[in-house]
Each structure stands twice: as C-alpha cells, then as structure tokens.
Amino acid sequence: MSQWNQVQQLEIKFLEQVDQFYDDNFPMEIRHLLAQWIENQDWEAASNNETMATILLQNLLIQLDEQLGRVSKEKNLLLIHNLKRIRKILQSPGLATAQLLLDQLGETCIHKPKSCP
C-alpha cells in the first residue's frame, strides 16, 4: 500500500494536520494524483544534487501533463482547471530553482515520511 493511501486512512485529527502541509506551491492534488510516481523517486539524492533536482522537476511536469491529458478525456472541468493552475505555478519564475521545490516536497513529507503523522 502506498504511503499516500496509508495517510488517507488516518483519523480525522491527523488528516487535518496533513492538510496543513500542503499549499499552492505543492498542492495536495499533485500528491494525490501522482502518489505512486512521487514515492518511487529518490528525493533524498536529488536534494543534494541540483542537476538531479532539475530532472525530477521536469519529470514531475511530464507526469502532470499526462494526468492533465487523462482528466481532459474525462471532462473533469474542476480538476482540469486545478492542474493547469498547478502547472503554471510549478513553472513560474517565483519558483526559482528545482531545489526550492525539493525543500517544499520535504516539508510535505515526500522524502522525509518519518516526520509525518
């Protein structure tokens, strides 16, 4: 069972804490839709290697595009809107480096799962 599936089975008081980890820079929709892919990446190694971090960010965008294509076929307007918004955020100049994204990923328990409830 994926870590994300385990998180979703927590009691409500812990789910509320998990909700606080996510924001517009790394929305929960991405964690949910890409759970398996995210959990299979070596975020720890990438956190020490800017080139690897950049590659992971590009691969994350590719995965996001694939999800966008899938939900577009389902005509899920709300999810399409949210995924486009998220993609724009992840590509914004304000997200200066892939390293910044990795820092945010760490805060949302992707490569430091032991610190999560």
PDB file of N, CA and C in Angstrom:
ATOM      1  N   MET A   1       0.842  -1.168   0.000  1.00  0.00           N
ATOM      2  CA  MET A   1       0.000   0.000   0.000  1.00  0.00           C
ATOM      3  C   MET A   1       0.895   1.242   0.000  1.00  0.00           C
ATOM      4  N   SER A   2       0.550   2.200  -0.817  1.00  0.00           N
ATOM      5  CA  SER A   2       1.368   3.414  -0.899  1.00  0.00           C
ATOM      6  C   SER A   2       1.254   4.222   0.394  1.00  0.00           C
ATOM      7  N   GLN A   3       2.285   5.001   0.617  1.00  0.00           N
ATOM      8  CA  GLN A   3       2.310   5.873   1.789  1.00  0.00           C
ATOM      9  C   GLN A   3       1.096   6.811   1.772  1.00  0.00           C
ATOM     10  N   TRP A   4       0.769   7.317   0.583  1.00  0.00           N
ATOM     11  CA  TRP A   4      -0.360   8.242   0.470  1.00  0.00           C
ATOM     12  C   TRP A   4      -1.670   7.550   0.832  1.00  0.00           C
ATOM     13  N   ASN A   5      -1.846   6.300   0.423  1.00  0.00           N
ATOM     14  CA  ASN A   5      -3.049   5.554   0.797  1.00  0.00           C
ATOM     15  C   ASN A   5      -3.114   5.356   2.308  1.00  0.00           C
ATOM     16  N   GLN A   6      -1.978   5.129   2.937  1.00  0.00           N
ATOM     17  CA  GLN A   6      -1.938   4.979   4.390  1.00  0.00           C
ATOM     18  C   GLN A   6      -2.322   6.278   5.080  1.00  0.00           C
ATOM     19  N   VAL A   7      -1.831   7.391   4.549  1.00  0.00           N
ATOM     20  CA  VAL A   7      -2.158   8.700   5.123  1.00  0.00           C
ATOM     21  C   VAL A   7      -3.669   8.925   5.091  1.00  0.00           C
ATOM     22  N   GLN A   8      -4.294   8.557   4.003  1.00  0.00           N
ATOM     23  CA  GLN A   8      -5.728   8.787   3.856  1.00  0.00           C
ATOM     24  C   GLN A   8      -6.573   7.969   4.828  1.00  0.00           C
ATOM     25  N   GLN A   9      -5.982   6.975   5.457  1.00  0.00           N
ATOM     26  CA  GLN A   9      -6.710   6.144   6.412  1.00  0.00           C
ATOM     27  C   GLN A   9      -6.532   6.608   7.859  1.00  0.00           C
ATOM     28  N   LEU A  10      -5.827   7.713   8.055  1.00  0.00           N
ATOM     29  CA  LEU A  10      -5.622   8.245   9.399  1.00  0.00           C
ATOM     30  C   LEU A  10      -6.917   8.803   9.974  1.00  0.00           C
ATOM     31  N   GLU A  11      -6.928   8.972  11.276  1.00  0.00           N
ATOM     32  CA  GLU A  11      -8.065   9.618  11.935  1.00  0.00           C
ATOM     33  C   GLU A  11      -8.145  11.072  11.481  1.00  0.00           C
ATOM     34  N   ILE A  12      -9.325  11.645  11.599  1.00  0.00           N
ATOM     35  CA  ILE A  12      -9.575  12.998  11.107  1.00  0.00           C
ATOM     36  C   ILE A  12      -8.646  14.030  11.730  1.00  0.00           C
ATOM     37  N   LYS A  13      -8.305  13.904  13.006  1.00  0.00           N
ATOM     38  CA  LYS A  13      -7.431  14.894  13.641  1.00  0.00           C
ATOM     39  C   LYS A  13      -6.044  14.891  12.985  1.00  0.00           C
ATOM     40  N   PHE A  14      -5.587  13.733  12.528  1.00  0.00           N
ATOM     41  CA  PHE A  14      -4.300  13.665  11.850  1.00  0.00           C
ATOM     42  C   PHE A  14      -4.418  14.129  10.399  1.00  0.00           C
ATOM     43  N   LEU A  15      -5.558  13.848   9.777  1.00  0.00           N
ATOM     44  CA  LEU A  15      -5.777  14.328   8.407  1.00  0.00           C
ATOM     45  C   LEU A  15      -5.776  15.848   8.359  1.00  0.00           C
ATOM     46  N   GLU A  16      -6.287  16.472   9.389  1.00  0.00           N
ATOM     47  CA  GLU A  16      -6.267  17.934   9.458  1.00  0.00           C
ATOM     48  C   GLU A  16      -4.830  18.452   9.540  1.00  0.00           C
ATOM     49  N   GLN A  17      -3.960  17.730  10.236  1.00  0.00           N
ATOM     50  CA  GLN A  17      -2.554  18.111  10.299  1.00  0.00           C
ATOM     51  C   GLN A  17      -1.894  17.945   8.936  1.00  0.00           C
ATOM     52  N   VAL A  18      -2.207  16.862   8.244  1.00  0.00           N
ATOM     53  CA  VAL A  18      -1.649  16.625   6.907  1.00  0.00           C
ATOM     54  C   VAL A  18      -2.083  17.749   5.970  1.00  0.00           C
ATOM     55  N   ASP A  19      -3.338  18.166   6.084  1.00  0.00           N
ATOM     56  CA  ASP A  19      -3.854  19.241   5.240  1.00  0.00           C
ATOM     57  C   ASP A  19      -3.021  20.506   5.365  1.00  0.00           C
ATOM     58  N   GLN A  20      -2.478  20.756   6.530  1.00  0.00           N
ATOM     59  CA  GLN A  20      -1.681  21.962   6.755  1.00  0.00           C
ATOM     60  C   GLN A  20      -0.326  21.913   6.050  1.00  0.00           C
ATOM     61  N   PHE A  21       0.134  20.737   5.646  1.00  0.00           N
ATOM     62  CA  PHE A  21       1.416  20.604   4.955  1.00  0.00           C
ATOM     63  C   PHE A  21       1.360  21.142   3.524  1.00  0.00           C
ATOM     64  N   TYR A  22       0.181  21.153   2.949  1.00  0.00           N
ATOM     65  CA  TYR A  22       0.044  21.455   1.529  1.00  0.00           C
ATOM     66  C   TYR A  22      -0.398  22.889   1.314  1.00  0.00           C
ATOM     67  N   ASP A  23       0.135  23.491   0.222  1.00  0.00           N
ATOM     68  CA  ASP A  23      -0.226  24.854  -0.138  1.00  0.00           C
ATOM     69  C   ASP A  23      -0.213  24.964  -1.658  1.00  0.00           C
ATOM     70  N   ASP A  24      -0.304  26.192  -2.167  1.00  0.00           N
ATOM     71  CA  ASP A  24      -0.347  26.386  -3.616  1.00  0.00           C
ATOM     72  C   ASP A  24       0.962  26.024  -4.311  1.00  0.00           C
ATOM     73  N   ASN A  25       2.082  26.051  -3.586  1.00  0.00           N
ATOM     74  CA  ASN A  25       3.352  25.699  -4.214  1.00  0.00           C
ATOM     75  C   ASN A  25       3.479  24.209  -4.479  1.00  0.00           C
ATOM     76  N   PHE A  26       2.857  23.411  -3.652  1.00  0.00           N
ATOM     77  CA  PHE A  26       2.787  21.978  -3.898  1.00  0.00           C
ATOM     78  C   PHE A  26       1.440  21.479  -3.391  1.00  0.00           C
ATOM     79  N   PRO A  27       0.425  21.608  -4.236  1.00  0.00           N
ATOM     80  CA  PRO A  27      -0.945  21.283  -3.823  1.00  0.00           C
ATOM     81  C   PRO A  27      -1.158  19.787  -3.581  1.00  0.00           C
ATOM     82  N   MET A  28      -2.123  19.509  -2.749  1.00  0.00           N
ATOM     83  CA  MET A  28      -2.463  18.141  -2.406  1.00  0.00           C
ATOM     84  C   MET A  28      -2.935  17.348  -3.636  1.00  0.00           C
ATOM     85  N   GLU A  29      -3.523  18.008  -4.611  1.00  0.00           N
ATOM     86  CA  GLU A  29      -3.967  17.293  -5.816  1.00  0.00           C
ATOM     87  C   GLU A  29      -2.805  16.562  -6.480  1.00  0.00           C
ATOM     88  N   ILE A  30      -1.641  17.217  -6.517  1.00  0.00           N
ATOM     89  CA  ILE A  30      -0.467  16.592  -7.129  1.00  0.00           C
ATOM     90  C   ILE A  30      -0.033  15.393  -6.308  1.00  0.00           C
ATOM     91  N   ARG A  31       0.000  15.564  -5.000  1.00  0.00           N
ATOM     92  CA  ARG A  31       0.401  14.446  -4.136  1.00  0.00           C
ATOM     93  C   ARG A  31      -0.547  13.265  -4.326  1.00  0.00           C
ATOM     94  N   HIS A  32      -1.831  13.564  -4.453  1.00  0.00           N
ATOM     95  CA  HIS A  32      -2.838  12.523  -4.617  1.00  0.00           C
ATOM     96  C   HIS A  32      -2.737  11.836  -5.982  1.00  0.00           C
ATOM     97  N   LEU A  33      -2.715  12.631  -7.035  1.00  0.00           N
ATOM     98  CA  LEU A  33      -2.721  12.068  -8.384  1.00  0.00           C
ATOM     99  C   LEU A  33      -1.418  11.360  -8.756  1.00  0.00           C
ATOM    100  N   LEU A  34      -0.313  11.841  -8.219  1.00  0.00           N
ATOM    101  CA  LEU A  34       0.997  11.290  -8.583  1.00  0.00           C
ATOM    102  C   LEU A  34       1.646  10.520  -7.430  1.00  0.00           C
ATOM    103  N   ALA A  35       0.847  10.031  -6.502  1.00  0.00           N
ATOM    104  CA  ALA A  35       1.372   9.388  -5.295  1.00  0.00           C
ATOM    105  C   ALA A  35       2.393   8.296  -5.598  1.00  0.00           C
ATOM    106  N   GLN A  36       2.043   7.376  -6.461  1.00  0.00           N
ATOM    107  CA  GLN A  36       2.943   6.258  -6.743  1.00  0.00           C
ATOM    108  C   GLN A  36       4.245   6.747  -7.373  1.00  0.00           C
ATOM    109  N   TRP A  37       4.139   7.638  -8.344  1.00  0.00           N
ATOM    110  CA  TRP A  37       5.341   8.161  -9.006  1.00  0.00           C
ATOM    111  C   TRP A  37       6.205   8.907  -7.994  1.00  0.00           C
ATOM    112  N   ILE A  38       5.592   9.763  -7.202  1.00  0.00           N
ATOM    113  CA  ILE A  38       6.335  10.559  -6.219  1.00  0.00           C
ATOM    114  C   ILE A  38       7.087   9.654  -5.248  1.00  0.00           C
ATOM    115  N   GLU A  39       6.422   8.631  -4.769  1.00  0.00           N
ATOM    116  CA  GLU A  39       7.032   7.744  -3.784  1.00  0.00           C
ATOM    117  C   GLU A  39       8.147   6.877  -4.366  1.00  0.00           C
ATOM    118  N   ASN A  40       8.197   6.757  -5.676  1.00  0.00           N
ATOM    119  CA  ASN A  40       9.242   5.951  -6.319  1.00  0.00           C
ATOM    120  C   ASN A  40      10.480   6.754  -6.708  1.00  0.00           C
ATOM    121  N   GLN A  41      10.501   8.049  -6.424  1.00  0.00           N
ATOM    122  CA  GLN A  41      11.638   8.891  -6.793  1.00  0.00           C
ATOM    123  C   GLN A  41      12.636   8.984  -5.631  1.00  0.00           C
ATOM    124  N   ASP A  42      13.877   9.237  -5.974  1.00  0.00           N
ATOM    125  CA  ASP A  42      14.927   9.372  -4.963  1.00  0.00           C
ATOM    126  C   ASP A  42      15.086  10.854  -4.608  1.00  0.00           C
ATOM    127  N   TRP A  43      14.155  11.372  -3.803  1.00  0.00           N
ATOM    128  CA  TRP A  43      14.145  12.778  -3.437  1.00  0.00           C
ATOM    129  C   TRP A  43      15.330  13.126  -2.553  1.00  0.00           C
ATOM    130  N   GLU A  44      15.763  12.189  -1.744  1.00  0.00           N
ATOM    131  CA  GLU A  44      16.898  12.439  -0.856  1.00  0.00           C
ATOM    132  C   GLU A  44      18.159  12.737  -1.667  1.00  0.00           C
ATOM    133  N   ALA A  45      18.419  11.914  -2.681  1.00  0.00           N
ATOM    134  CA  ALA A  45      19.600  12.139  -3.520  1.00  0.00           C
ATOM    135  C   ALA A  45      19.472  13.454  -4.290  1.00  0.00           C
ATOM    136  N   ALA A  46      18.282  13.731  -4.776  1.00  0.00           N
ATOM    137  CA  ALA A  46      18.066  14.956  -5.545  1.00  0.00           C
ATOM    138  C   ALA A  46      18.219  16.204  -4.682  1.00  0.00           C
ATOM    139  N   SER A  47      17.976  16.073  -3.394  1.00  0.00           N
ATOM    140  CA  SER A  47      18.089  17.243  -2.519  1.00  0.00           C
ATOM    141  C   SER A  47      19.534  17.704  -2.394  1.00  0.00           C
ATOM    142  N   ASN A  48      20.475  16.852  -2.776  1.00  0.00           N
ATOM    143  CA  ASN A  48      21.901  17.197  -2.711  1.00  0.00           C
ATOM    144  C   ASN A  48      22.514  17.399  -4.093  1.00  0.00           C
ATOM    145  N   ASN A  49      21.687  17.396  -5.133  1.00  0.00           N
ATOM    146  CA  ASN A  49      22.207  17.452  -6.492  1.00  0.00           C
ATOM    147  C   ASN A  49      21.266  18.289  -7.351  1.00  0.00           C
ATOM    148  N   GLU A  50      21.674  19.516  -7.667  1.00  0.00           N
ATOM    149  CA  GLU A  50      20.809  20.445  -8.416  1.00  0.00           C
ATOM    150  C   GLU A  50      20.412  19.892  -9.784  1.00  0.00           C
ATOM    151  N   THR A  51      21.327  19.204 -10.448  1.00  0.00           N
ATOM    152  CA  THR A  51      21.003  18.637 -11.767  1.00  0.00           C
ATOM    153  C   THR A  51      19.909  17.584 -11.643  1.00  0.00           C
ATOM    154  N   MET A  52      20.071  16.706 -10.675  1.00  0.00           N
ATOM    155  CA  MET A  52      19.053  15.673 -10.460  1.00  0.00           C
ATOM    156  C   MET A  52      17.728  16.303 -10.045  1.00  0.00           C
ATOM    157  N   ALA A  53      17.790  17.338  -9.219  1.00  0.00           N
ATOM    158  CA  ALA A  53      16.573  18.042  -8.794  1.00  0.00           C
ATOM    159  C   ALA A  53      15.853  18.640 -10.003  1.00  0.00           C
ATOM    160  N   THR A  54      16.611  19.213 -10.924  1.00  0.00           N
ATOM    161  CA  THR A  54      16.021  19.798 -12.125  1.00  0.00           C
ATOM    162  C   THR A  54      15.364  18.724 -12.984  1.00  0.00           C
ATOM    163  N   ILE A  55      16.032  17.593 -13.111  1.00  0.00           N
ATOM    164  CA  ILE A  55      15.472  16.478 -13.885  1.00  0.00           C
ATOM    165  C   ILE A  55      14.176  15.985 -13.240  1.00  0.00           C
ATOM    166  N   LEU A  56      14.172  15.861 -11.921  1.00  0.00           N
ATOM    167  CA  LEU A  56      12.954  15.423 -11.232  1.00  0.00           C
ATOM    168  C   LEU A  56      11.816  16.421 -11.421  1.00  0.00           C
ATOM    169  N   LEU A  57      12.130  17.702 -11.383  1.00  0.00           N
ATOM    170  CA  LEU A  57      11.102  18.714 -11.615  1.00  0.00           C
ATOM    171  C   LEU A  57      10.537  18.583 -13.020  1.00  0.00           C
ATOM    172  N   GLN A  58      11.403  18.402 -14.010  1.00  0.00           N
ATOM    173  CA  GLN A  58      10.930  18.221 -15.385  1.00  0.00           C
ATOM    174  C   GLN A  58      10.076  16.963 -15.517  1.00  0.00           C
ATOM    175  N   ASN A  59      10.500  15.897 -14.867  1.00  0.00           N
ATOM    176  CA  ASN A  59       9.721  14.658 -14.902  1.00  0.00           C
ATOM    177  C   ASN A  59       8.380  14.819 -14.186  1.00  0.00           C
ATOM    178  N   LEU A  60       8.371  15.612 -13.120  1.00  0.00           N
ATOM    179  CA  LEU A  60       7.123  15.903 -12.427  1.00  0.00           C
ATOM    180  C   LEU A  60       6.155  16.632 -13.364  1.00  0.00           C
ATOM    181  N   LEU A  61       6.677  17.581 -14.125  1.00  0.00           N
ATOM    182  CA  LEU A  61       5.838  18.309 -15.084  1.00  0.00           C
ATOM    183  C   LEU A  61       5.312  17.378 -16.179  1.00  0.00           C
ATOM    184  N   ILE A  62       6.131  16.436 -16.602  1.00  0.00           N
ATOM    185  CA  ILE A  62       5.685  15.453 -17.604  1.00  0.00           C
ATOM    186  C   ILE A  62       4.553  14.604 -17.026  1.00  0.00           C
ATOM    187  N   GLN A  63       4.728  14.142 -15.800  1.00  0.00           N
ATOM    188  CA  GLN A  63       3.680  13.358 -15.134  1.00  0.00           C
ATOM    189  C   GLN A  63       2.396  14.173 -14.994  1.00  0.00           C
ATOM    190  N   LEU A  64       2.549  15.445 -14.669  1.00  0.00           N
ATOM    191  CA  LEU A  64       1.401  16.338 -14.543  1.00  0.00           C
ATOM    192  C   LEU A  64       0.681  16.484 -15.879  1.00  0.00           C
ATOM    193  N   ASP A  65       1.446  16.627 -16.959  1.00  0.00           N
ATOM    194  CA  ASP A  65       0.847  16.720 -18.296  1.00  0.00           C
ATOM    195  C   ASP A  65       0.076  15.451 -18.646  1.00  0.00           C
ATOM    196  N   GLU A  66       0.634  14.299 -18.267  1.00  0.00           N
ATOM    197  CA  GLU A  66      -0.062  13.039 -18.536  1.00  0.00           C
ATOM    198  C   GLU A  66      -1.387  12.979 -17.776  1.00  0.00           C
ATOM    199  N   GLN A  67      -1.381  13.427 -16.532  1.00  0.00           N
ATOM    200  CA  GLN A  67      -2.615  13.461 -15.748  1.00  0.00           C
ATOM    201  C   GLN A  67      -3.613  14.444 -16.353  1.00  0.00           C
ATOM    202  N   LEU A  68      -3.110  15.572 -16.818  1.00  0.00           N
ATOM    203  CA  LEU A  68      -3.970  16.566 -17.452  1.00  0.00           C
ATOM    204  C   LEU A  68      -4.635  15.982 -18.698  1.00  0.00           C
ATOM    205  N   GLY A  69      -3.871  15.242 -19.479  1.00  0.00           N
ATOM    206  CA  GLY A  69      -4.442  14.578 -20.660  1.00  0.00           C
ATOM    207  C   GLY A  69      -5.518  13.578 -20.277  1.00  0.00           C
ATOM    208  N   ARG A  70      -5.270  12.829 -19.213  1.00  0.00           N
ATOM    209  CA  ARG A  70      -6.241  11.829 -18.756  1.00  0.00           C
ATOM    210  C   ARG A  70      -7.534  12.486 -18.282  1.00  0.00           C
ATOM    211  N   VAL A  71      -7.428  13.515 -17.445  1.00  0.00           N
ATOM    212  CA  VAL A  71      -8.643  14.144 -16.923  1.00  0.00           C
ATOM    213  C   VAL A  71      -9.357  14.968 -17.993  1.00  0.00           C
ATOM    214  N   SER A  72      -8.617  15.418 -19.006  1.00  0.00           N
ATOM    215  CA  SER A  72      -9.269  16.140 -20.103  1.00  0.00           C
ATOM    216  C   SER A  72     -10.214  15.216 -20.852  1.00  0.00           C
ATOM    217  N   LYS A  73      -9.830  13.960 -21.008  1.00  0.00           N
ATOM    218  CA  LYS A  73     -10.705  12.976 -21.666  1.00  0.00           C
ATOM    219  C   LYS A  73     -11.951  12.702 -20.825  1.00  0.00           C
ATOM    220  N   GLU A  74     -11.805  12.808 -19.511  1.00  0.00           N
ATOM    221  CA  GLU A  74     -12.934  12.583 -18.609  1.00  0.00           C
ATOM    222  C   GLU A  74     -13.815  13.825 -18.486  1.00  0.00           C
ATOM    223  N   LYS A  75     -13.347  14.934 -19.028  1.00  0.00           N
ATOM    224  CA  LYS A  75     -14.064  16.209 -18.992  1.00  0.00           C
ATOM    225  C   LYS A  75     -14.361  16.663 -17.561  1.00  0.00           C
ATOM    226  N   ASN A  76     -13.380  16.482 -16.692  1.00  0.00           N
ATOM    227  CA  ASN A  76     -13.495  16.915 -15.299  1.00  0.00           C
ATOM    228  C   ASN A  76     -12.999  18.361 -15.232  1.00  0.00           C
ATOM    229  N   LEU A  77     -13.906  19.297 -15.442  1.00  0.00           N
ATOM    230  CA  LEU A  77     -13.553  20.705 -15.586  1.00  0.00           C
ATOM    231  C   LEU A  77     -12.805  21.253 -14.373  1.00  0.00           C
ATOM    232  N   LEU A  78     -13.236  20.929 -13.170  1.00  0.00           N
ATOM    233  CA  LEU A  78     -12.584  21.446 -11.968  1.00  0.00           C
ATOM    234  C   LEU A  78     -11.145  20.938 -11.864  1.00  0.00           C
ATOM    235  N   LEU A  79     -10.942  19.653 -12.083  1.00  0.00           N
ATOM    236  CA  LEU A  79      -9.602  19.094 -11.993  1.00  0.00           C
ATOM    237  C   LEU A  79      -8.718  19.607 -13.124  1.00  0.00           C
ATOM    238  N   ILE A  80      -9.267  19.758 -14.318  1.00  0.00           N
ATOM    239  CA  ILE A  80      -8.507  20.333 -15.441  1.00  0.00           C
ATOM    240  C   ILE A  80      -8.026  21.731 -15.064  1.00  0.00           C
ATOM    241  N   HIS A  81      -8.935  22.537 -14.545  1.00  0.00           N
ATOM    242  CA  HIS A  81      -8.589  23.907 -14.129  1.00  0.00           C
ATOM    243  C   HIS A  81      -7.477  23.890 -13.081  1.00  0.00           C
ATOM    244  N   ASN A  82      -7.631  23.049 -12.060  1.00  0.00           N
ATOM    245  CA  ASN A  82      -6.648  22.996 -10.984  1.00  0.00           C
ATOM    246  C   ASN A  82      -5.289  22.515 -11.476  1.00  0.00           C
ATOM    247  N   LEU A  83      -5.259  21.509 -12.338  1.00  0.00           N
ATOM    248  CA  LEU A  83      -3.984  21.012 -12.847  1.00  0.00           C
ATOM    249  C   LEU A  83      -3.278  22.046 -13.711  1.00  0.00           C
ATOM    250  N   LYS A  84      -4.018  22.785 -14.505  1.00  0.00           N
ATOM    251  CA  LYS A  84      -3.413  23.855 -15.304  1.00  0.00           C
ATOM    252  C   LYS A  84      -2.837  24.942 -14.403  1.00  0.00           C
ATOM    253  N   ARG A  85      -3.569  25.282 -13.358  1.00  0.00           N
ATOM    254  CA  ARG A  85      -3.103  26.288 -12.401  1.00  0.00           C
ATOM    255  C   ARG A  85      -1.832  25.801 -11.699  1.00  0.00           C
ATOM    256  N   ILE A  86      -1.826  24.563 -11.296  1.00  0.00           N
ATOM    257  CA  ILE A  86      -0.668  23.989 -10.614  1.00  0.00           C
ATOM    258  C   ILE A  86       0.542  23.966 -11.528  1.00  0.00           C
ATOM    259  N   ARG A  87       0.335  23.581 -12.782  1.00  0.00           N
ATOM    260  CA  ARG A  87       1.446  23.539 -13.743  1.00  0.00           C
ATOM    261  C   ARG A  87       2.048  24.930 -13.904  1.00  0.00           C
ATOM    262  N   LYS A  88       1.189  25.928 -13.990  1.00  0.00           N
ATOM    263  CA  LYS A  88       1.655  27.307 -14.127  1.00  0.00           C
ATOM    264  C   LYS A  88       2.485  27.721 -12.908  1.00  0.00           C
ATOM    265  N   ILE A  89       2.033  27.357 -11.731  1.00  0.00           N
ATOM    266  CA  ILE A  89       2.773  27.673 -10.502  1.00  0.00           C
ATOM    267  C   ILE A  89       4.131  27.002 -10.512  1.00  0.00           C
ATOM    268  N   LEU A  90       4.168  25.719 -10.868  1.00  0.00           N
ATOM    269  CA  LEU A  90       5.430  24.975 -10.863  1.00  0.00           C
ATOM    270  C   LEU A  90       6.424  25.501 -11.898  1.00  0.00           C
ATOM    271  N   GLN A  91       5.929  26.146 -12.932  1.00  0.00           N
ATOM    272  CA  GLN A  91       6.808  26.694 -13.967  1.00  0.00           C
ATOM    273  C   GLN A  91       7.113  28.172 -13.765  1.00  0.00           C
ATOM    274  N   SER A  92       6.583  28.755 -12.707  1.00  0.00           N
ATOM    275  CA  SER A  92       6.728  30.192 -12.525  1.00  0.00           C
ATOM    276  C   SER A  92       8.151  30.580 -12.140  1.00  0.00           C
ATOM    277  N   PRO A  93       8.563  31.794 -12.536  1.00  0.00           N
ATOM    278  CA  PRO A  93       9.882  32.293 -12.150  1.00  0.00           C
ATOM    279  C   PRO A  93      10.033  32.425 -10.638  1.00  0.00           C
ATOM    280  N   GLY A  94       8.918  32.565  -9.921  1.00  0.00           N
ATOM    281  CA  GLY A  94       8.967  32.660  -8.470  1.00  0.00           C
ATOM    282  C   GLY A  94       9.483  31.383  -7.821  1.00  0.00           C
ATOM    283  N   LEU A  95       9.322  30.274  -8.503  1.00  0.00           N
ATOM    284  CA  LEU A  95       9.876  29.010  -8.032  1.00  0.00           C
ATOM    285  C   LEU A  95      11.264  28.931  -8.636  1.00  0.00           C
ATOM    286  N   ALA A  96      12.181  29.684  -8.073  1.00  0.00           N
ATOM    287  CA  ALA A  96      13.489  29.958  -8.667  1.00  0.00           C
ATOM    288  C   ALA A  96      14.258  28.726  -9.106  1.00  0.00           C
ATOM    289  N   THR A  97      14.251  27.688  -8.307  1.00  0.00           N
ATOM    290  CA  THR A  97      15.037  26.511  -8.659  1.00  0.00           C
ATOM    291  C   THR A  97      14.284  25.242  -8.308  1.00  0.00           C
ATOM    292  N   ALA A  98      14.735  24.174  -8.890  1.00  0.00           N
ATOM    293  CA  ALA A  98      14.191  22.870  -8.535  1.00  0.00           C
ATOM    294  C   ALA A  98      14.500  22.560  -7.081  1.00  0.00           C
ATOM    295  N   GLN A  99      15.603  23.119  -6.578  1.00  0.00           N
ATOM    296  CA  GLN A  99      15.974  22.890  -5.184  1.00  0.00           C
ATOM    297  C   GLN A  99      14.917  23.448  -4.236  1.00  0.00           C
ATOM    298  N   LEU A 100      14.342  24.591  -4.587  1.00  0.00           N
ATOM    299  CA  LEU A 100      13.270  25.168  -3.784  1.00  0.00           C
ATOM    300  C   LEU A 100      12.076  24.227  -3.750  1.00  0.00           C
ATOM    301  N   LEU A 101      11.737  23.648  -4.892  1.00  0.00           N
ATOM    302  CA  LEU A 101      10.640  22.687  -4.937  1.00  0.00           C
ATOM    303  C   LEU A 101      10.947  21.504  -4.032  1.00  0.00           C
ATOM    304  N   LEU A 102      12.178  21.017  -4.066  1.00  0.00           N
ATOM    305  CA  LEU A 102      12.549  19.887  -3.218  1.00  0.00           C
ATOM    306  C   LEU A 102      12.401  20.226  -1.744  1.00  0.00           C
ATOM    307  N   ASP A 103      12.741  21.448  -1.371  1.00  0.00           N
ATOM    308  CA  ASP A 103      12.553  21.868   0.013  1.00  0.00           C
ATOM    309  C   ASP A 103      11.077  21.792   0.392  1.00  0.00           C
ATOM    310  N   GLN A 104      10.215  22.228  -0.525  1.00  0.00           N
ATOM    311  CA  GLN A 104       8.781  22.179  -0.269  1.00  0.00           C
ATOM    312  C   GLN A 104       8.296  20.735  -0.219  1.00  0.00           C
ATOM    313  N   LEU A 105       8.837  19.892  -1.079  1.00  0.00           N
ATOM    314  CA  LEU A 105       8.449  18.491  -1.070  1.00  0.00           C
ATOM    315  C   LEU A 105       8.820  17.852   0.254  1.00  0.00           C
ATOM    316  N   GLY A 106       9.982  18.197   0.766  1.00  0.00           N
ATOM    317  CA  GLY A 106      10.398  17.670   2.058  1.00  0.00           C
ATOM    318  C   GLY A 106       9.435  18.068   3.161  1.00  0.00           C
ATOM    319  N   GLU A 107       8.952  19.289   3.091  1.00  0.00           N
ATOM    320  CA  GLU A 107       8.005  19.774   4.091  1.00  0.00           C
ATOM    321  C   GLU A 107       6.660  19.087   3.966  1.00  0.00           C
ATOM    322  N   THR A 108       6.354  18.546   2.818  1.00  0.00           N
ATOM    323  CA  THR A 108       5.079  17.853   2.635  1.00  0.00           C
ATOM    324  C   THR A 108       5.250  16.346   2.703  1.00  0.00           C
ATOM    325  N   CYS A 109       6.329  15.927   3.349  1.00  0.00           N
ATOM    326  CA  CYS A 109       6.524  14.519   3.722  1.00  0.00           C
ATOM    327  C   CYS A 109       6.766  13.584   2.545  1.00  0.00           C
ATOM    328  N   ILE A 110       7.332  14.057   1.487  1.00  0.00           N
ATOM    329  CA  ILE A 110       7.600  13.154   0.375  1.00  0.00           C
ATOM    330  C   ILE A 110       8.917  12.447   0.560  1.00  0.00           C
ATOM    331  N   HIS A 111       9.969  13.153   0.931  1.00  0.00           N
ATOM    332  CA  HIS A 111      11.228  12.444   1.128  1.00  0.00           C
ATOM    333  C   HIS A 111      11.642  12.377   2.591  1.00  0.00           C
ATOM    334  N   LYS A 112      10.760  12.828   3.494  1.00  0.00           N
ATOM    335  CA  LYS A 112      11.005  12.693   4.934  1.00  0.00           C
ATOM    336  C   LYS A 112       9.753  12.138   5.603  1.00  0.00           C
ATOM    337  N   PRO A 113       9.280  10.979   5.158  1.00  0.00           N
ATOM    338  CA  PRO A 113       7.985  10.486   5.652  1.00  0.00           C
ATOM    339  C   PRO A 113       7.963  10.209   7.146  1.00  0.00           C
ATOM    340  N   LYS A 114       9.090   9.957   7.782  1.00  0.00           N
ATOM    341  CA  LYS A 114       9.086   9.635   9.209  1.00  0.00           C
ATOM    342  C   LYS A 114       8.646  10.834  10.052  1.00  0.00           C
ATOM    343  N   SER A 115       8.740  12.051   9.491  1.00  0.00           N
ATOM    344  CA  SER A 115       8.353  13.226  10.260  1.00  0.00           C
ATOM    345  C   SER A 115       6.855  13.514  10.156  1.00  0.00           C
ATOM    346  N   CYS A 116       6.147  12.727   9.384  1.00  0.00           N
ATOM    347  CA  CYS A 116       4.724  12.930   9.195  1.00  0.00           C
ATOM    348  C   CYS A 116       3.918  12.112  10.188  1.00  0.00           C
ATOM    349  N   PRO A 117       2.690  12.566  10.439  1.00  0.00           N
ATOM    350  CA  PRO A 117       1.814  11.785  11.320  1.00  0.00           C
ATOM    351  C   PRO A 117       1.413  10.488  10.649  1.00  0.00           C
TER     352      PRO A 117
END
